[in-house]
């Protein structure tokens, strides 16, 4: 009994870096105990937590490549995804700097952001070398929208409606950039940007309303109704830029109708809501691409 007690006392009182071996032969050190925490810190500053952001980021790249496949477009699509990943550690650095602190997680986030921004810069340089058109023009328009989102996130207010809409509409410009990089017309590039922007404008307020209802928070139905009207108007205006975008505009109208109908039914779990949004986003992309490709043949 005393020997058993002394064994546990020796283990408990031993220094963190020199614990006695356990019965299975393993040795617990400060490094092994820190590893899970370090992995958790890296994940928290490197992996985006916005589940809807993955789809909204991938859709413009996919549509752009379906309409205008090319090496420069691939670089731009990958660059958009890298930029989406870099936004998470960059947000951590901006928030911590604004609060006057520099923590261990801040250093980790700064290192991750620096690496991802370097990759982003390299992809853009390659895209410039391969592009056939002035793909950077949409970036000049989308830049202020992205800066609005970053400004809100630096103040820990990135989950509000305005920054979410601004960031989503800005990301949709990637489809236009890819089209221009492959030599497509400016009218088509503007049109596919408008279709995707319309899809984002109707979907983001809808998702926010559904999540608020799930958590029994007050809901302003007027916002979603106005957003739906704006989305339909923008999608209809897109058809004026290119007749091949009629299918995409109709797909946006169907998304609005489906969201209105499902909002009246039972509230889905967040996972179901996310999968439903990804499916509708993919449907808009496919319908738009089919309409554009059919009109050019």
Protein backbone atom coordinates (compact mmCIF):
# COMPACT_ATOMS: atom_id res chain seq x y z
CA UNK A 1 0.00 0.00 0.00
CA UNK A 2 2.76 2.43 0.95
CA UNK A 3 4.79 1.47 -2.13
CA UNK A 4 1.79 2.11 -4.39
CA UNK A 5 1.23 5.47 -2.73
CA UNK A 6 4.88 6.43 -3.07
CA UNK A 7 4.81 5.52 -6.77
CA UNK A 8 1.92 7.88 -7.45
CA UNK A 9 3.44 10.59 -5.29
CA UNK A 10 6.68 10.31 -7.25
CA UNK A 11 4.75 10.66 -10.48
CA UNK A 12 2.70 13.60 -9.25
CA UNK A 13 5.65 15.45 -7.74
CA UNK A 14 8.10 14.85 -10.58
CA UNK A 15 9.00 17.83 -12.78
CA UNK A 16 6.84 18.37 -15.88
CA UNK A 17 9.65 17.38 -18.21
CA UNK A 18 10.74 14.27 -16.24
CA UNK A 19 7.73 12.21 -15.21
CA UNK A 20 8.26 8.51 -14.35
CA UNK A 21 7.21 6.11 -17.09
CA UNK A 22 3.70 4.73 -16.94
CA UNK A 23 2.95 1.05 -16.77
CA UNK A 24 2.58 0.91 -20.58
CA UNK A 25 6.11 2.28 -20.98
CA UNK A 26 5.12 5.77 -22.22
CA UNK A 27 6.54 8.91 -20.70
CA UNK A 28 4.46 12.04 -20.28
CA UNK A 29 6.38 15.26 -20.90
CA UNK A 30 5.44 18.89 -21.14
CA UNK A 31 5.91 18.70 -24.94
CA UNK A 32 3.48 15.81 -25.39
CA UNK A 33 0.86 17.50 -23.23
CA UNK A 34 1.25 20.74 -25.18
CA UNK A 35 0.89 19.16 -28.62
CA UNK A 36 -2.94 18.92 -28.63
CA UNK A 37 -3.20 22.51 -27.44
CA UNK A 38 -0.81 23.66 -30.15
CA UNK A 39 -2.79 21.80 -32.81
CA UNK A 40 -5.99 23.33 -31.45
CA UNK A 41 -4.49 26.83 -31.64
CA UNK A 42 -3.32 26.28 -35.20
CA UNK A 43 -6.75 25.02 -36.23
CA UNK A 44 -8.54 27.93 -34.58
CA UNK A 45 -6.46 30.56 -36.38
CA UNK A 46 -6.08 28.76 -39.74
CA UNK A 47 -9.41 27.05 -40.50
CA UNK A 48 -12.42 29.27 -41.33
CA UNK A 49 -15.39 28.70 -39.06
CA UNK A 50 -17.98 30.09 -41.49
CA UNK A 51 -19.46 26.98 -43.08
CA UNK A 52 -21.39 28.98 -45.69
CA UNK A 53 -18.26 30.80 -46.74
CA UNK A 54 -16.79 27.68 -48.32
CA UNK A 55 -19.56 27.42 -50.90
CA UNK A 56 -19.75 31.16 -51.56
CA UNK A 57 -16.00 31.13 -52.23
CA UNK A 58 -15.89 28.06 -54.47
CA UNK A 59 -18.95 28.92 -56.60
CA UNK A 60 -17.40 31.91 -58.47
CA UNK A 61 -14.27 29.95 -59.33
CA UNK A 62 -16.32 26.99 -60.54
CA UNK A 63 -18.64 29.12 -62.68
CA UNK A 64 -15.75 31.07 -64.15
CA UNK A 65 -13.90 27.90 -65.15
CA UNK A 66 -17.02 26.31 -66.62
CA UNK A 67 -17.68 29.36 -68.77
CA UNK A 68 -14.05 30.21 -69.63
CA UNK A 69 -11.62 27.40 -68.79
CA UNK A 70 -7.96 28.37 -68.87
CA UNK A 71 -4.71 28.23 -66.94
CA UNK A 72 -5.01 31.82 -65.75
CA UNK A 73 -8.52 31.10 -64.54
CA UNK A 74 -7.31 28.12 -62.53
CA UNK A 75 -4.74 30.36 -60.85
CA UNK A 76 -7.42 32.93 -60.01
CA UNK A 77 -9.83 30.31 -58.66
CA UNK A 78 -7.14 28.84 -56.42
CA UNK A 79 -6.09 32.36 -55.40
CA UNK A 80 -9.66 33.12 -54.30
CA UNK A 81 -9.68 30.00 -52.16
CA UNK A 82 -6.31 30.86 -50.62
CA UNK A 83 -7.56 34.38 -49.91
CA UNK A 84 -10.58 32.88 -48.14
CA UNK A 85 -8.25 30.78 -45.97
CA UNK A 86 -5.95 33.74 -45.28
CA UNK A 87 -8.85 35.87 -44.05
CA UNK A 88 -9.13 33.83 -40.83
CA UNK A 89 -5.57 34.29 -39.50
CA UNK A 90 -5.51 37.86 -40.81
CA UNK A 91 -8.66 38.60 -38.82
CA UNK A 92 -7.02 37.25 -35.66
CA UNK A 93 -3.98 39.49 -36.18
CA UNK A 94 -6.12 42.57 -36.88
CA UNK A 95 -8.32 42.03 -33.83
CA UNK A 96 -5.40 41.41 -31.48
CA UNK A 97 -3.42 44.36 -32.78
CA UNK A 98 -6.42 46.63 -32.39
CA UNK A 99 -6.76 45.49 -28.77
CA UNK A 100 -3.08 46.14 -28.14
CA UNK A 101 -2.01 42.57 -27.49
CA UNK A 102 0.37 40.09 -29.09
CA UNK A 103 -0.31 36.56 -27.87
CA UNK A 104 0.94 33.14 -28.85
CA UNK A 105 -2.07 32.69 -31.10
CA UNK A 106 -1.29 36.05 -32.70
CA UNK A 107 2.19 34.88 -33.66
CA UNK A 108 0.78 31.64 -35.05
CA UNK A 109 -1.87 33.51 -37.02
CA UNK A 110 0.70 35.97 -38.38
CA UNK A 111 2.90 33.12 -39.61
CA UNK A 112 -0.01 31.32 -41.28
CA UNK A 113 -1.27 34.54 -42.87
CA UNK A 114 2.20 35.42 -44.18
CA UNK A 115 2.58 32.03 -45.83
CA UNK A 116 -0.86 32.10 -47.40
CA UNK A 117 -0.48 35.67 -48.63
CA UNK A 118 2.82 34.72 -50.23
CA UNK A 119 1.10 31.87 -52.08
CA UNK A 120 -1.69 34.27 -53.07
CA UNK A 121 0.79 36.77 -54.49
CA UNK A 122 2.52 34.04 -56.49
CA UNK A 123 -0.75 32.85 -57.99
CA UNK A 124 -1.69 36.38 -59.03
CA UNK A 125 1.70 36.91 -60.68
CA UNK A 126 1.27 33.70 -62.68
CA UNK A 127 -2.28 34.74 -63.62
CA UNK A 128 -0.95 38.06 -64.94
CA UNK A 129 1.57 36.20 -67.07
CA UNK A 130 -1.04 33.84 -68.53
CA UNK A 131 -4.10 36.07 -68.86
CA UNK A 132 -5.47 37.24 -72.20
CA UNK A 133 -7.47 40.15 -70.84
CA UNK A 134 -7.59 42.81 -68.12
CA UNK A 135 -8.92 40.53 -65.41
CA UNK A 136 -7.85 42.98 -62.69
CA UNK A 137 -10.61 45.47 -63.52
CA UNK A 138 -13.30 43.65 -61.45
CA UNK A 139 -10.81 43.50 -58.57
CA UNK A 140 -10.73 47.30 -58.51
CA UNK A 141 -14.51 47.34 -58.03
CA UNK A 142 -14.59 44.46 -55.54
CA UNK A 143 -11.62 45.73 -53.50
CA UNK A 144 -13.58 48.32 -51.48
CA UNK A 145 -16.23 45.70 -50.67
CA UNK A 146 -13.60 43.32 -49.29
CA UNK A 147 -12.05 46.17 -47.31
CA UNK A 148 -15.45 46.93 -45.76
CA UNK A 149 -15.65 43.34 -44.55
CA UNK A 150 -12.10 43.42 -43.16
CA UNK A 151 -12.82 46.70 -41.41
CA UNK A 152 -15.81 45.21 -39.62
CA UNK A 153 -13.87 42.06 -38.75
CA UNK A 154 -11.02 44.07 -37.25
CA UNK A 155 -13.63 45.42 -34.80
CA UNK A 156 -15.04 41.91 -34.18
CA UNK A 157 -18.23 42.78 -36.06
CA UNK A 158 -17.75 40.62 -39.13
CA UNK A 159 -20.91 38.57 -38.51
CA UNK A 160 -23.21 41.51 -39.18
CA UNK A 161 -25.29 41.66 -42.34
CA UNK A 162 -23.45 44.50 -44.12
CA UNK A 163 -19.94 42.96 -43.98
CA UNK A 164 -21.24 39.52 -44.89
CA UNK A 165 -23.02 40.87 -47.96
CA UNK A 166 -20.09 43.10 -48.94
CA UNK A 167 -17.61 40.24 -48.69
CA UNK A 168 -19.81 37.78 -50.58
CA UNK A 169 -20.51 40.19 -53.45
CA UNK A 170 -16.81 41.02 -53.61
CA UNK A 171 -15.82 37.35 -53.84
CA UNK A 172 -18.32 36.82 -56.66
CA UNK A 173 -16.13 39.08 -58.79
CA UNK A 174 -13.75 36.12 -59.18
CA UNK A 175 -16.08 34.67 -61.83
CA UNK A 176 -15.82 37.88 -63.84
CA UNK A 177 -12.05 37.95 -63.43
CA UNK A 178 -11.72 34.41 -64.75
CA UNK A 179 -13.92 35.20 -67.74
CA UNK A 180 -11.87 38.28 -68.62
CA UNK A 181 -8.60 36.40 -68.16
CA UNK A 182 -9.70 33.99 -70.88
CA UNK A 183 -10.64 36.79 -73.26
CA UNK A 184 -14.42 36.81 -72.77
CA UNK A 185 -16.38 40.03 -73.16
CA UNK A 186 -16.84 42.52 -70.38
CA UNK A 187 -20.63 42.23 -70.69
CA UNK A 188 -20.54 38.50 -70.01
CA UNK A 189 -18.11 38.97 -67.14
CA UNK A 190 -20.36 41.59 -65.54
CA UNK A 191 -23.42 39.42 -66.09
CA UNK A 192 -22.11 36.28 -64.37
CA UNK A 193 -20.91 38.44 -61.48
CA UNK A 194 -24.41 39.88 -61.16
CA UNK A 195 -26.06 36.43 -61.16
CA UNK A 196 -23.81 35.16 -58.38
CA UNK A 197 -24.20 38.39 -56.44
CA UNK A 198 -27.98 38.03 -56.66
CA UNK A 199 -27.73 34.49 -55.30
CA UNK A 200 -25.63 35.76 -52.35
CA UNK A 201 -27.93 38.71 -51.66
CA UNK A 202 -30.98 36.48 -51.28
CA UNK A 203 -29.30 33.58 -49.47
CA UNK A 204 -27.35 35.36 -46.73
CA UNK A 205 -30.34 37.19 -45.15
CA UNK A 206 -32.41 34.01 -45.46
CA UNK A 207 -29.82 31.94 -43.59
CA UNK A 208 -29.44 34.62 -40.93
CA UNK A 209 -33.21 34.65 -40.42
CA UNK A 210 -33.39 30.87 -40.09
CA UNK A 211 -30.51 30.77 -37.60
CA UNK A 212 -32.10 33.56 -35.56
CA UNK A 213 -35.35 31.62 -35.40
CA UNK A 214 -33.52 28.49 -34.30
CA UNK A 215 -32.07 30.44 -31.37
CA UNK A 216 -35.38 32.19 -30.60
CA UNK A 217 -33.98 35.60 -31.45
CA UNK A 218 -36.11 38.40 -32.93
CA UNK A 219 -36.39 38.40 -36.72
CA UNK A 220 -36.95 41.30 -39.10
CA UNK A 221 -38.77 39.71 -42.02
CA UNK A 222 -38.61 42.98 -43.97
CA UNK A 223 -34.88 42.51 -44.52
CA UNK A 224 -35.29 39.17 -46.27
CA UNK A 225 -38.16 40.47 -48.39
CA UNK A 226 -36.13 43.48 -49.53
CA UNK A 227 -33.13 41.24 -50.19
CA UNK A 228 -35.25 38.92 -52.32
CA UNK A 229 -36.53 41.85 -54.34
CA UNK A 230 -33.01 43.18 -54.89
CA UNK A 231 -31.78 39.72 -55.90
CA UNK A 232 -34.50 39.25 -58.50
CA UNK A 233 -33.89 42.75 -59.87
CA UNK A 234 -30.13 42.20 -60.17
CA UNK A 235 -30.60 38.79 -61.78
CA UNK A 236 -33.05 40.24 -64.29
CA UNK A 237 -30.61 43.06 -65.07
CA UNK A 238 -27.91 40.45 -65.73
CA UNK A 239 -29.92 39.10 -68.67
CA UNK A 240 -29.58 42.50 -70.33
CA UNK A 241 -25.80 42.08 -70.47
CA UNK A 242 -25.92 38.66 -72.16
CA UNK A 243 -28.91 36.65 -73.35
CA UNK A 244 -27.21 33.43 -72.24
CA UNK A 245 -27.76 34.41 -68.60
CA UNK A 246 -31.53 33.87 -68.69
CA UNK A 247 -31.13 30.37 -67.25
CA UNK A 248 -29.01 31.71 -64.39
CA UNK A 249 -31.53 34.45 -63.63
CA UNK A 250 -34.35 31.89 -63.55
CA UNK A 251 -32.29 29.73 -61.20
CA UNK A 252 -31.95 32.69 -58.83
CA UNK A 253 -35.72 33.25 -58.94
CA UNK A 254 -36.26 29.57 -58.11
CA UNK A 255 -33.86 29.87 -55.17
CA UNK A 256 -35.88 32.81 -53.85
CA UNK A 257 -39.12 30.83 -54.18
CA UNK A 258 -37.70 27.73 -52.50
CA UNK A 259 -36.36 29.79 -49.61
CA UNK A 260 -39.72 31.51 -49.13
CA UNK A 261 -41.51 28.13 -49.06
CA UNK A 262 -39.05 26.42 -46.72
CA UNK A 263 -39.11 29.42 -44.35
CA UNK A 264 -42.76 28.63 -43.66
CA UNK A 265 -42.08 25.00 -42.78
CA UNK A 266 -40.30 23.35 -39.84
CA UNK A 267 -36.93 24.81 -38.96
CA UNK A 268 -34.09 22.61 -40.28
CA UNK A 269 -30.93 21.85 -38.36
CA UNK A 270 -27.97 24.10 -39.26
CA UNK A 271 -26.25 21.21 -41.05
CA UNK A 272 -29.32 20.60 -43.20
CA UNK A 273 -29.64 24.31 -43.89
CA UNK A 274 -26.01 24.47 -44.98
CA UNK A 275 -26.31 21.47 -47.29
CA UNK A 276 -29.45 22.94 -48.82
CA UNK A 277 -27.68 26.22 -49.53
CA UNK A 278 -24.72 24.45 -51.11
CA UNK A 279 -27.07 22.49 -53.37
CA UNK A 280 -28.92 25.63 -54.46
CA UNK A 281 -25.67 27.49 -55.05
CA UNK A 282 -24.38 24.64 -57.20
CA UNK A 283 -27.67 24.61 -59.11
CA UNK A 284 -27.30 28.33 -59.90
CA UNK A 285 -23.73 27.77 -61.10
CA UNK A 286 -24.65 24.82 -63.34
CA UNK A 287 -27.74 26.54 -64.79
CA UNK A 288 -25.78 29.70 -65.52
CA UNK A 289 -22.93 27.79 -67.16
CA UNK A 290 -25.30 25.71 -69.31
CA UNK A 291 -27.15 28.82 -70.47
CA UNK A 292 -23.96 30.67 -71.39
CA UNK A 293 -22.39 27.72 -73.20
CA UNK A 294 -25.62 26.96 -75.07
CA UNK A 295 -25.92 30.55 -76.30
CA UNK A 296 -22.39 30.53 -77.72
CA UNK A 297 -22.90 27.44 -79.88
